[in-house]
Amino acid sequence: MVDNPPAGNQRIIPYLAYADAPAAVEFLCKAYGFEAGVQMEMGDGVLGHAELHLGDNVVFLATAFAEMGLASPRDLKAVHGQVMIYVDDVDAHYEHARAAGAEIAEEIADQFYGDRNYRTVDPEGHHWIFTQHIRDVSPEELKAAAAGAAGQ
């Protein structure tokens, strides 16, 4: 019997479009610590499919194909989503990404919901949140903290 999903893939996989997908692969590996996997090059700088691994997880990406309705975020009027990734040491990850030239959209900080994270934007405008869970928060604490944050 065939595994579903295939071995090495989680059930939900972000699939991102980039105008310059080969440059995106290089940046994401250098700045965010991904490891490049399968890549299907189509010629003329077009990447039909690429798989980037981080631990036991994978992100797919490809060159934006207008004929399929896909565009890079830099060509859109607004950001339509974000990718959130749990890492083991968010402070070290932040320092590595910053040193590699990543655009930091929100500095690293502890959050009321029990995570410590930072936000970054890659060269084409995809938004990434790198986070580490640092404490468990009860539903009551979460509700009180959210109400306090809304009142500020």
Foldseek 3Di string as FASTA:
>chain_A
DADVVHQLEDNDAAEAEDQQVVVVVVLCCQQQVWDWDDWDDPDPRWTQKTWTDDVSYIHMYTHADVVVVGDQVLPDPDDDDAAEEEDDDQVVSVVRNVVSPWAWPADWDADQQQKTWTWTADPRGHIYIYIHRHDHDDPVSVVVVVVVVVVD
